[in-house]
Amino acid sequence: MTRINAKDFIEELRFDIREKDIIKAKLVLSKIGAVDDNTRKMALFEISRADDPFAIPVIVNLIAEYRDLARAYRRCGKSFMPRPSITRKCCFPC
């Protein structure tokens, strides 16, 4: 198995966020299982800082593809919710 450099992983994810390249971000995040716990947390933090149109599809993809990751980082998930733009547009009574 190829070793993933944590610094390169995060730098590439940051670049993809800046460029708003969801496809490349998903590709980078497809290797999230191969990085250490601190790098995973940093990746989730970087995604949480992104604009909603970028962050939401990436988060949904992570949850769908890596259910164990979603369970392992439940507290990190709280940093994503409630996202103000989601709650303002929500059609369900809160």
PDB file of N, CA and C in Angstrom:
ATOM      1  N   MET A   1       0.838  -1.178   0.000  1.00  0.00           N
ATOM      2  CA  MET A   1       0.000   0.000   0.000  1.00  0.00           C
ATOM      3  C   MET A   1       0.888   1.248   0.000  1.00  0.00           C
ATOM      4  N   THR A   2       0.519   2.217  -0.769  1.00  0.00           N
ATOM      5  CA  THR A   2       1.269   3.458  -0.871  1.00  0.00           C
ATOM      6  C   THR A   2       1.067   4.295   0.383  1.00  0.00           C
ATOM      7  N   ARG A   3       2.135   4.850   0.877  1.00  0.00           N
ATOM      8  CA  ARG A   3       2.069   5.725   2.049  1.00  0.00           C
ATOM      9  C   ARG A   3       1.611   7.114   1.605  1.00  0.00           C
ATOM     10  N   ILE A   4       0.644   7.671   2.321  1.00  0.00           N
ATOM     11  CA  ILE A   4       0.115   8.997   2.010  1.00  0.00           C
ATOM     12  C   ILE A   4       0.819  10.014   2.904  1.00  0.00           C
ATOM     13  N   ASN A   5       1.387  11.028   2.304  1.00  0.00           N
ATOM     14  CA  ASN A   5       2.035  12.098   3.043  1.00  0.00           C
ATOM     15  C   ASN A   5       0.945  13.036   3.564  1.00  0.00           C
ATOM     16  N   ALA A   6       0.847  13.166   4.881  1.00  0.00           N
ATOM     17  CA  ALA A   6      -0.222  13.947   5.506  1.00  0.00           C
ATOM     18  C   ALA A   6      -0.186  15.410   5.071  1.00  0.00           C
ATOM     19  N   LYS A   7       1.006  15.985   5.006  1.00  0.00           N
ATOM     20  CA  LYS A   7       1.131  17.394   4.625  1.00  0.00           C
ATOM     21  C   LYS A   7       0.627  17.598   3.193  1.00  0.00           C
ATOM     22  N   ASP A   8       1.030  16.727   2.287  1.00  0.00           N
ATOM     23  CA  ASP A   8       0.581  16.823   0.899  1.00  0.00           C
ATOM     24  C   ASP A   8      -0.928  16.617   0.781  1.00  0.00           C
ATOM     25  N   PHE A   9      -1.460  15.694   1.569  1.00  0.00           N
ATOM     26  CA  PHE A   9      -2.888  15.402   1.575  1.00  0.00           C
ATOM     27  C   PHE A   9      -3.684  16.665   1.923  1.00  0.00           C
ATOM     28  N   ILE A  10      -3.305  17.325   3.008  1.00  0.00           N
ATOM     29  CA  ILE A  10      -4.010  18.526   3.463  1.00  0.00           C
ATOM     30  C   ILE A  10      -3.793  19.683   2.493  1.00  0.00           C
ATOM     31  N   GLU A  11      -2.583  19.854   2.011  1.00  0.00           N
ATOM     32  CA  GLU A  11      -2.314  20.942   1.059  1.00  0.00           C
ATOM     33  C   GLU A  11      -3.121  20.770  -0.223  1.00  0.00           C
ATOM     34  N   GLU A  12      -3.216  19.550  -0.715  1.00  0.00           N
ATOM     35  CA  GLU A  12      -4.004  19.300  -1.923  1.00  0.00           C
ATOM     36  C   GLU A  12      -5.484  19.552  -1.663  1.00  0.00           C
ATOM     37  N   LEU A  13      -5.973  19.142  -0.503  1.00  0.00           N
ATOM     38  CA  LEU A  13      -7.373  19.393  -0.169  1.00  0.00           C
ATOM     39  C   LEU A  13      -7.637  20.895  -0.074  1.00  0.00           C
ATOM     40  N   ARG A  14      -6.755  21.635   0.552  1.00  0.00           N
ATOM     41  CA  ARG A  14      -6.909  23.098   0.640  1.00  0.00           C
ATOM     42  C   ARG A  14      -6.922  23.732  -0.754  1.00  0.00           C
ATOM     43  N   PHE A  15      -6.042  23.251  -1.618  1.00  0.00           N
ATOM     44  CA  PHE A  15      -5.993  23.760  -2.992  1.00  0.00           C
ATOM     45  C   PHE A  15      -7.316  23.490  -3.698  1.00  0.00           C
ATOM     46  N   ASP A  16      -7.823  22.273  -3.546  1.00  0.00           N
ATOM     47  CA  ASP A  16      -9.089  21.908  -4.190  1.00  0.00           C
ATOM     48  C   ASP A  16     -10.241  22.760  -3.665  1.00  0.00           C
ATOM     49  N   ILE A  17     -10.217  23.069  -2.384  1.00  0.00           N
ATOM     50  CA  ILE A  17     -11.250  23.933  -1.806  1.00  0.00           C
ATOM     51  C   ILE A  17     -11.139  25.335  -2.383  1.00  0.00           C
ATOM     52  N   ARG A  18      -9.923  25.866  -2.441  1.00  0.00           N
ATOM     53  CA  ARG A  18      -9.729  27.213  -3.002  1.00  0.00           C
ATOM     54  C   ARG A  18     -10.187  27.287  -4.445  1.00  0.00           C
ATOM     55  N   GLU A  19      -9.889  26.238  -5.209  1.00  0.00           N
ATOM     56  CA  GLU A  19     -10.251  26.201  -6.625  1.00  0.00           C
ATOM     57  C   GLU A  19     -11.694  25.745  -6.856  1.00  0.00           C
ATOM     58  N   LYS A  20     -12.354  25.347  -5.772  1.00  0.00           N
ATOM     59  CA  LYS A  20     -13.741  24.858  -5.828  1.00  0.00           C
ATOM     60  C   LYS A  20     -13.877  23.643  -6.746  1.00  0.00           C
ATOM     61  N   ASP A  21     -12.897  22.759  -6.650  1.00  0.00           N
ATOM     62  CA  ASP A  21     -12.852  21.557  -7.472  1.00  0.00           C
ATOM     63  C   ASP A  21     -13.354  20.366  -6.649  1.00  0.00           C
ATOM     64  N   ILE A  22     -14.658  20.159  -6.679  1.00  0.00           N
ATOM     65  CA  ILE A  22     -15.289  19.105  -5.884  1.00  0.00           C
ATOM     66  C   ILE A  22     -14.811  17.728  -6.311  1.00  0.00           C
ATOM     67  N   ILE A  23     -14.658  17.511  -7.589  1.00  0.00           N
ATOM     68  CA  ILE A  23     -14.243  16.198  -8.088  1.00  0.00           C
ATOM     69  C   ILE A  23     -12.864  15.824  -7.558  1.00  0.00           C
ATOM     70  N   LYS A  24     -11.915  16.765  -7.635  1.00  0.00           N
ATOM     71  CA  LYS A  24     -10.577  16.478  -7.112  1.00  0.00           C
ATOM     72  C   LYS A  24     -10.582  16.318  -5.604  1.00  0.00           C
ATOM     73  N   ALA A  25     -11.394  17.103  -4.917  1.00  0.00           N
ATOM     74  CA  ALA A  25     -11.484  16.968  -3.460  1.00  0.00           C
ATOM     75  C   ALA A  25     -11.992  15.580  -3.084  1.00  0.00           C
ATOM     76  N   LYS A  26     -13.013  15.115  -3.797  1.00  0.00           N
ATOM     77  CA  LYS A  26     -13.530  13.768  -3.536  1.00  0.00           C
ATOM     78  C   LYS A  26     -12.467  12.715  -3.819  1.00  0.00           C
ATOM     79  N   LEU A  27     -11.674  12.936  -4.860  1.00  0.00           N
ATOM     80  CA  LEU A  27     -10.596  12.004  -5.186  1.00  0.00           C
ATOM     81  C   LEU A  27      -9.558  11.979  -4.066  1.00  0.00           C
ATOM     82  N   VAL A  28      -9.164  13.140  -3.588  1.00  0.00           N
ATOM     83  CA  VAL A  28      -8.206  13.214  -2.475  1.00  0.00           C
ATOM     84  C   VAL A  28      -8.793  12.525  -1.249  1.00  0.00           C
ATOM     85  N   LEU A  29     -10.044  12.830  -0.945  1.00  0.00           N
ATOM     86  CA  LEU A  29     -10.682  12.267   0.240  1.00  0.00           C
ATOM     87  C   LEU A  29     -10.947  10.768   0.128  1.00  0.00           C
ATOM     88  N   SER A  30     -10.859  10.240  -1.068  1.00  0.00           N
ATOM     89  CA  SER A  30     -11.016   8.787  -1.218  1.00  0.00           C
ATOM     90  C   SER A  30      -9.881   8.039  -0.521  1.00  0.00           C
ATOM     91  N   LYS A  31      -8.827   8.743  -0.176  1.00  0.00           N
ATOM     92  CA  LYS A  31      -7.686   8.143   0.530  1.00  0.00           C
ATOM     93  C   LYS A  31      -7.694   8.485   2.017  1.00  0.00           C
ATOM     94  N   ILE A  32      -8.803   8.990   2.526  1.00  0.00           N
ATOM     95  CA  ILE A  32      -8.853   9.415   3.923  1.00  0.00           C
ATOM     96  C   ILE A  32      -8.630   8.251   4.890  1.00  0.00           C
ATOM     97  N   GLY A  33      -8.945   7.057   4.466  1.00  0.00           N
ATOM     98  CA  GLY A  33      -8.713   5.884   5.307  1.00  0.00           C
ATOM     99  C   GLY A  33      -7.249   5.528   5.449  1.00  0.00           C
ATOM    100  N   ALA A  34      -6.401   6.075   4.602  1.00  0.00           N
ATOM    101  CA  ALA A  34      -4.969   5.762   4.616  1.00  0.00           C
ATOM    102  C   ALA A  34      -4.134   6.781   5.382  1.00  0.00           C
ATOM    103  N   VAL A  35      -4.789   7.778   5.973  1.00  0.00           N
ATOM    104  CA  VAL A  35      -4.050   8.788   6.732  1.00  0.00           C
ATOM    105  C   VAL A  35      -4.355   8.626   8.223  1.00  0.00           C
ATOM    106  N   ASP A  36      -3.517   9.240   9.038  1.00  0.00           N
ATOM    107  CA  ASP A  36      -3.685   9.105  10.486  1.00  0.00           C
ATOM    108  C   ASP A  36      -4.866   9.926  10.995  1.00  0.00           C
ATOM    109  N   ASP A  37      -5.202   9.705  12.246  1.00  0.00           N
ATOM    110  CA  ASP A  37      -6.359  10.327  12.872  1.00  0.00           C
ATOM    111  C   ASP A  37      -6.280  11.855  12.865  1.00  0.00           C
ATOM    112  N   ASN A  38      -5.128  12.416  13.161  1.00  0.00           N
ATOM    113  CA  ASN A  38      -4.985  13.877  13.183  1.00  0.00           C
ATOM    114  C   ASN A  38      -5.205  14.475  11.800  1.00  0.00           C
ATOM    115  N   THR A  39      -4.733  13.793  10.769  1.00  0.00           N
ATOM    116  CA  THR A  39      -4.914  14.272   9.399  1.00  0.00           C
ATOM    117  C   THR A  39      -6.376  14.203   9.006  1.00  0.00           C
ATOM    118  N   ARG A  40      -7.070  13.162   9.433  1.00  0.00           N
ATOM    119  CA  ARG A  40      -8.513  13.072   9.161  1.00  0.00           C
ATOM    120  C   ARG A  40      -9.261  14.231   9.799  1.00  0.00           C
ATOM    121  N   LYS A  41      -8.920  14.519  11.048  1.00  0.00           N
ATOM    122  CA  LYS A  41      -9.579  15.635  11.738  1.00  0.00           C
ATOM    123  C   LYS A  41      -9.290  16.954  11.033  1.00  0.00           C
ATOM    124  N   MET A  42      -8.045  17.129  10.591  1.00  0.00           N
ATOM    125  CA  MET A  42      -7.678  18.357   9.883  1.00  0.00           C
ATOM    126  C   MET A  42      -8.448  18.462   8.570  1.00  0.00           C
ATOM    127  N   ALA A  43      -8.603  17.354   7.870  1.00  0.00           N
ATOM    128  CA  ALA A  43      -9.351  17.352   6.612  1.00  0.00           C
ATOM    129  C   ALA A  43     -10.810  17.745   6.868  1.00  0.00           C
ATOM    130  N   LEU A  44     -11.417  17.187   7.903  1.00  0.00           N
ATOM    131  CA  LEU A  44     -12.795  17.545   8.236  1.00  0.00           C
ATOM    132  C   LEU A  44     -12.902  19.016   8.618  1.00  0.00           C
ATOM    133  N   PHE A  45     -11.906  19.516   9.333  1.00  0.00           N
ATOM    134  CA  PHE A  45     -11.894  20.927   9.695  1.00  0.00           C
ATOM    135  C   PHE A  45     -11.819  21.809   8.452  1.00  0.00           C
ATOM    136  N   GLU A  46     -10.943  21.452   7.513  1.00  0.00           N
ATOM    137  CA  GLU A  46     -10.803  22.241   6.288  1.00  0.00           C
ATOM    138  C   GLU A  46     -12.108  22.251   5.493  1.00  0.00           C
ATOM    139  N   ILE A  47     -12.765  21.107   5.422  1.00  0.00           N
ATOM    140  CA  ILE A  47     -14.045  21.040   4.711  1.00  0.00           C
ATOM    141  C   ILE A  47     -15.087  21.909   5.411  1.00  0.00           C
ATOM    142  N   SER A  48     -15.079  21.892   6.737  1.00  0.00           N
ATOM    143  CA  SER A  48     -16.069  22.678   7.482  1.00  0.00           C
ATOM    144  C   SER A  48     -15.915  24.174   7.249  1.00  0.00           C
ATOM    145  N   ARG A  49     -14.737  24.614   6.852  1.00  0.00           N
ATOM    146  CA  ARG A  49     -14.488  26.029   6.592  1.00  0.00           C
ATOM    147  C   ARG A  49     -14.883  26.450   5.176  1.00  0.00           C
ATOM    148  N   ALA A  50     -15.131  25.484   4.323  1.00  0.00           N
ATOM    149  CA  ALA A  50     -15.454  25.779   2.919  1.00  0.00           C
ATOM    150  C   ALA A  50     -16.875  26.329   2.793  1.00  0.00           C
ATOM    151  N   ASP A  51     -17.138  26.992   1.672  1.00  0.00           N
ATOM    152  CA  ASP A  51     -18.475  27.493   1.374  1.00  0.00           C
ATOM    153  C   ASP A  51     -19.449  26.326   1.237  1.00  0.00           C
ATOM    154  N   ASP A  52     -20.710  26.578   1.573  1.00  0.00           N
ATOM    155  CA  ASP A  52     -21.731  25.533   1.532  1.00  0.00           C
ATOM    156  C   ASP A  52     -21.839  24.795   0.196  1.00  0.00           C
ATOM    157  N   PRO A  53     -21.867  25.504  -0.947  1.00  0.00           N
ATOM    158  CA  PRO A  53     -22.009  24.775  -2.210  1.00  0.00           C
ATOM    159  C   PRO A  53     -20.872  23.774  -2.460  1.00  0.00           C
ATOM    160  N   PHE A  54     -19.739  23.989  -1.841  1.00  0.00           N
ATOM    161  CA  PHE A  54     -18.628  23.048  -1.949  1.00  0.00           C
ATOM    162  C   PHE A  54     -18.713  22.006  -0.841  1.00  0.00           C
ATOM    163  N   ALA A  55     -18.876  22.475   0.394  1.00  0.00           N
ATOM    164  CA  ALA A  55     -18.777  21.589   1.553  1.00  0.00           C
ATOM    165  C   ALA A  55     -19.881  20.537   1.615  1.00  0.00           C
ATOM    166  N   ILE A  56     -21.101  20.930   1.317  1.00  0.00           N
ATOM    167  CA  ILE A  56     -22.222  20.012   1.507  1.00  0.00           C
ATOM    168  C   ILE A  56     -22.109  18.757   0.642  1.00  0.00           C
ATOM    169  N   PRO A  57     -21.854  18.853  -0.671  1.00  0.00           N
ATOM    170  CA  PRO A  57     -21.713  17.619  -1.450  1.00  0.00           C
ATOM    171  C   PRO A  57     -20.522  16.768  -1.007  1.00  0.00           C
ATOM    172  N   VAL A  58     -19.453  17.423  -0.566  1.00  0.00           N
ATOM    173  CA  VAL A  58     -18.280  16.678  -0.110  1.00  0.00           C
ATOM    174  C   VAL A  58     -18.597  15.934   1.192  1.00  0.00           C
ATOM    175  N   ILE A  59     -19.287  16.611   2.102  1.00  0.00           N
ATOM    176  CA  ILE A  59     -19.666  15.982   3.371  1.00  0.00           C
ATOM    177  C   ILE A  59     -20.610  14.809   3.124  1.00  0.00           C
ATOM    178  N   VAL A  60     -21.598  15.024   2.268  1.00  0.00           N
ATOM    179  CA  VAL A  60     -22.555  13.954   1.958  1.00  0.00           C
ATOM    180  C   VAL A  60     -21.816  12.753   1.365  1.00  0.00           C
ATOM    181  N   ASN A  61     -20.880  13.015   0.473  1.00  0.00           N
ATOM    182  CA  ASN A  61     -20.096  11.936  -0.122  1.00  0.00           C
ATOM    183  C   ASN A  61     -19.291  11.195   0.943  1.00  0.00           C
ATOM    184  N   LEU A  62     -18.665  11.918   1.853  1.00  0.00           N
ATOM    185  CA  LEU A  62     -17.897  11.269   2.913  1.00  0.00           C
ATOM    186  C   LEU A  62     -18.781  10.385   3.782  1.00  0.00           C
ATOM    187  N   ILE A  63     -19.947  10.901   4.146  1.00  0.00           N
ATOM    188  CA  ILE A  63     -20.858  10.125   4.983  1.00  0.00           C
ATOM    189  C   ILE A  63     -21.334   8.869   4.250  1.00  0.00           C
ATOM    190  N   ALA A  64     -21.648   9.018   2.968  1.00  0.00           N
ATOM    191  CA  ALA A  64     -22.139   7.881   2.182  1.00  0.00           C
ATOM    192  C   ALA A  64     -21.052   6.831   1.952  1.00  0.00           C
ATOM    193  N   GLU A  65     -19.851   7.273   1.671  1.00  0.00           N
ATOM    194  CA  GLU A  65     -18.768   6.347   1.330  1.00  0.00           C
ATOM    195  C   GLU A  65     -18.044   5.788   2.552  1.00  0.00           C
ATOM    196  N   TYR A  66     -18.004   6.555   3.619  1.00  0.00           N
ATOM    197  CA  TYR A  66     -17.208   6.171   4.788  1.00  0.00           C
ATOM    198  C   TYR A  66     -18.051   6.264   6.052  1.00  0.00           C
ATOM    199  N   ARG A  67     -19.003   5.354   6.165  1.00  0.00           N
ATOM    200  CA  ARG A  67     -19.912   5.377   7.316  1.00  0.00           C
ATOM    201  C   ARG A  67     -19.167   5.241   8.633  1.00  0.00           C
ATOM    202  N   ASP A  68     -18.103   4.457   8.656  1.00  0.00           N
ATOM    203  CA  ASP A  68     -17.316   4.316   9.880  1.00  0.00           C
ATOM    204  C   ASP A  68     -16.687   5.641  10.278  1.00  0.00           C
ATOM    205  N   LEU A  69     -16.282   6.418   9.295  1.00  0.00           N
ATOM    206  CA  LEU A  69     -15.701   7.732   9.557  1.00  0.00           C
ATOM    207  C   LEU A  69     -16.744   8.645  10.201  1.00  0.00           C
ATOM    208  N   ALA A  70     -17.959   8.613   9.683  1.00  0.00           N
ATOM    209  CA  ALA A  70     -19.032   9.443  10.234  1.00  0.00           C
ATOM    210  C   ALA A  70     -19.326   9.052  11.679  1.00  0.00           C
ATOM    211  N   ARG A  71     -19.281   7.766  11.976  1.00  0.00           N
ATOM    212  CA  ARG A  71     -19.528   7.306  13.346  1.00  0.00           C
ATOM    213  C   ARG A  71     -18.375   7.680  14.272  1.00  0.00           C
ATOM    214  N   ALA A  72     -17.168   7.586  13.770  1.00  0.00           N
ATOM    215  CA  ALA A  72     -15.986   7.841  14.586  1.00  0.00           C
ATOM    216  C   ALA A  72     -15.833   9.310  14.952  1.00  0.00           C
ATOM    217  N   TYR A  73     -16.338  10.197  14.104  1.00  0.00           N
ATOM    218  CA  TYR A  73     -16.141  11.630  14.321  1.00  0.00           C
ATOM    219  C   TYR A  73     -17.465  12.349  14.515  1.00  0.00           C
ATOM    220  N   ARG A  74     -18.312  11.808  15.331  1.00  0.00           N
ATOM    221  CA  ARG A  74     -19.626  12.431  15.559  1.00  0.00           C
ATOM    222  C   ARG A  74     -19.495  13.847  16.093  1.00  0.00           C
ATOM    223  N   ARG A  75     -18.526  14.076  16.970  1.00  0.00           N
ATOM    224  CA  ARG A  75     -18.356  15.431  17.504  1.00  0.00           C
ATOM    225  C   ARG A  75     -17.917  16.396  16.420  1.00  0.00           C
ATOM    226  N   CYS A  76     -17.106  15.939  15.490  1.00  0.00           N
ATOM    227  CA  CYS A  76     -16.685  16.801  14.381  1.00  0.00           C
ATOM    228  C   CYS A  76     -17.887  17.173  13.533  1.00  0.00           C
ATOM    229  N   GLY A  77     -18.814  16.268  13.393  1.00  0.00           N
ATOM    230  CA  GLY A  77     -20.009  16.546  12.604  1.00  0.00           C
ATOM    231  C   GLY A  77     -20.804  17.715  13.140  1.00  0.00           C
ATOM    232  N   LYS A  78     -20.707  17.956  14.448  1.00  0.00           N
ATOM    233  CA  LYS A  78     -21.433  19.078  15.033  1.00  0.00           C
ATOM    234  C   LYS A  78     -20.902  20.410  14.536  1.00  0.00           C
ATOM    235  N   SER A  79     -19.659  20.428  14.072  1.00  0.00           N
ATOM    236  CA  SER A  79     -19.125  21.690  13.540  1.00  0.00           C
ATOM    237  C   SER A  79     -19.753  22.017  12.187  1.00  0.00           C
ATOM    238  N   PHE A  80     -20.339  21.009  11.525  1.00  0.00           N
ATOM    239  CA  PHE A  80     -20.986  21.233  10.240  1.00  0.00           C
ATOM    240  C   PHE A  80     -22.428  21.696  10.415  1.00  0.00           C
ATOM    241  N   MET A  81     -23.047  21.357  11.527  1.00  0.00           N
ATOM    242  CA  MET A  81     -24.460  21.639  11.720  1.00  0.00           C
ATOM    243  C   MET A  81     -24.666  22.486  12.956  1.00  0.00           C
ATOM    244  N   PRO A  82     -25.601  23.362  13.004  1.00  0.00           N
ATOM    245  CA  PRO A  82     -26.376  23.730  11.833  1.00  0.00           C
ATOM    246  C   PRO A  82     -25.636  24.756  10.986  1.00  0.00           C
ATOM    247  N   ARG A  83     -25.596  24.540   9.723  1.00  0.00           N
ATOM    248  CA  ARG A  83     -25.010  25.516   8.813  1.00  0.00           C
ATOM    249  C   ARG A  83     -26.100  26.543   8.557  1.00  0.00           C
ATOM    250  N   PRO A  84     -25.866  27.811   8.861  1.00  0.00           N
ATOM    251  CA  PRO A  84     -26.914  28.832   8.752  1.00  0.00           C
ATOM    252  C   PRO A  84     -27.621  28.865   7.410  1.00  0.00           C
ATOM    253  N   SER A  85     -26.906  28.670   6.329  1.00  0.00           N
ATOM    254  CA  SER A  85     -27.564  28.740   5.022  1.00  0.00           C
ATOM    255  C   SER A  85     -28.530  27.584   4.823  1.00  0.00           C
ATOM    256  N   ILE A  86     -28.261  26.461   5.469  1.00  0.00           N
ATOM    257  CA  ILE A  86     -29.166  25.316   5.362  1.00  0.00           C
ATOM    258  C   ILE A  86     -30.419  25.586   6.177  1.00  0.00           C
ATOM    259  N   THR A  87     -30.237  26.053   7.403  1.00  0.00           N
ATOM    260  CA  THR A  87     -31.398  26.248   8.261  1.00  0.00           C
ATOM    261  C   THR A  87     -32.298  27.347   7.743  1.00  0.00           C
ATOM    262  N   ARG A  88     -31.759  28.350   7.074  1.00  0.00           N
ATOM    263  CA  ARG A  88     -32.597  29.418   6.510  1.00  0.00           C
ATOM    264  C   ARG A  88     -33.425  28.889   5.347  1.00  0.00           C
ATOM    265  N   LYS A  89     -32.866  27.940   4.587  1.00  0.00           N
ATOM    266  CA  LYS A  89     -33.548  27.443   3.395  1.00  0.00           C
ATOM    267  C   LYS A  89     -34.381  26.202   3.673  1.00  0.00           C
ATOM    268  N   CYS A  90     -34.309  25.697   4.876  1.00  0.00           N
ATOM    269  CA  CYS A  90     -34.976  24.455   5.223  1.00  0.00           C
ATOM    270  C   CYS A  90     -36.492  24.600   5.081  1.00  0.00           C
ATOM    271  N   CYS A  91     -37.122  23.593   4.485  1.00  0.00           N
ATOM    272  CA  CYS A  91     -38.559  23.650   4.289  1.00  0.00           C
ATOM    273  C   CYS A  91     -39.302  22.957   5.429  1.00  0.00           C
ATOM    274  N   PHE A  92     -38.592  22.394   6.378  1.00  0.00           N
ATOM    275  CA  PHE A  92     -39.210  21.723   7.502  1.00  0.00           C
ATOM    276  C   PHE A  92     -39.231  22.640   8.714  1.00  0.00           C
ATOM    277  N   PRO A  93     -40.277  22.589   9.506  1.00  0.00           N
ATOM    278  CA  PRO A  93     -40.303  23.425  10.715  1.00  0.00           C
ATOM    279  C   PRO A  93     -39.216  22.959  11.673  1.00  0.00           C
ATOM    280  N   CYS A  94     -38.522  23.906  12.233  1.00  0.00           N
ATOM    281  CA  CYS A  94     -37.428  23.556  13.159  1.00  0.00           C
ATOM    282  C   CYS A  94     -37.855  23.759  14.581  1.00  0.00           C
TER     283      CYS A  94
END
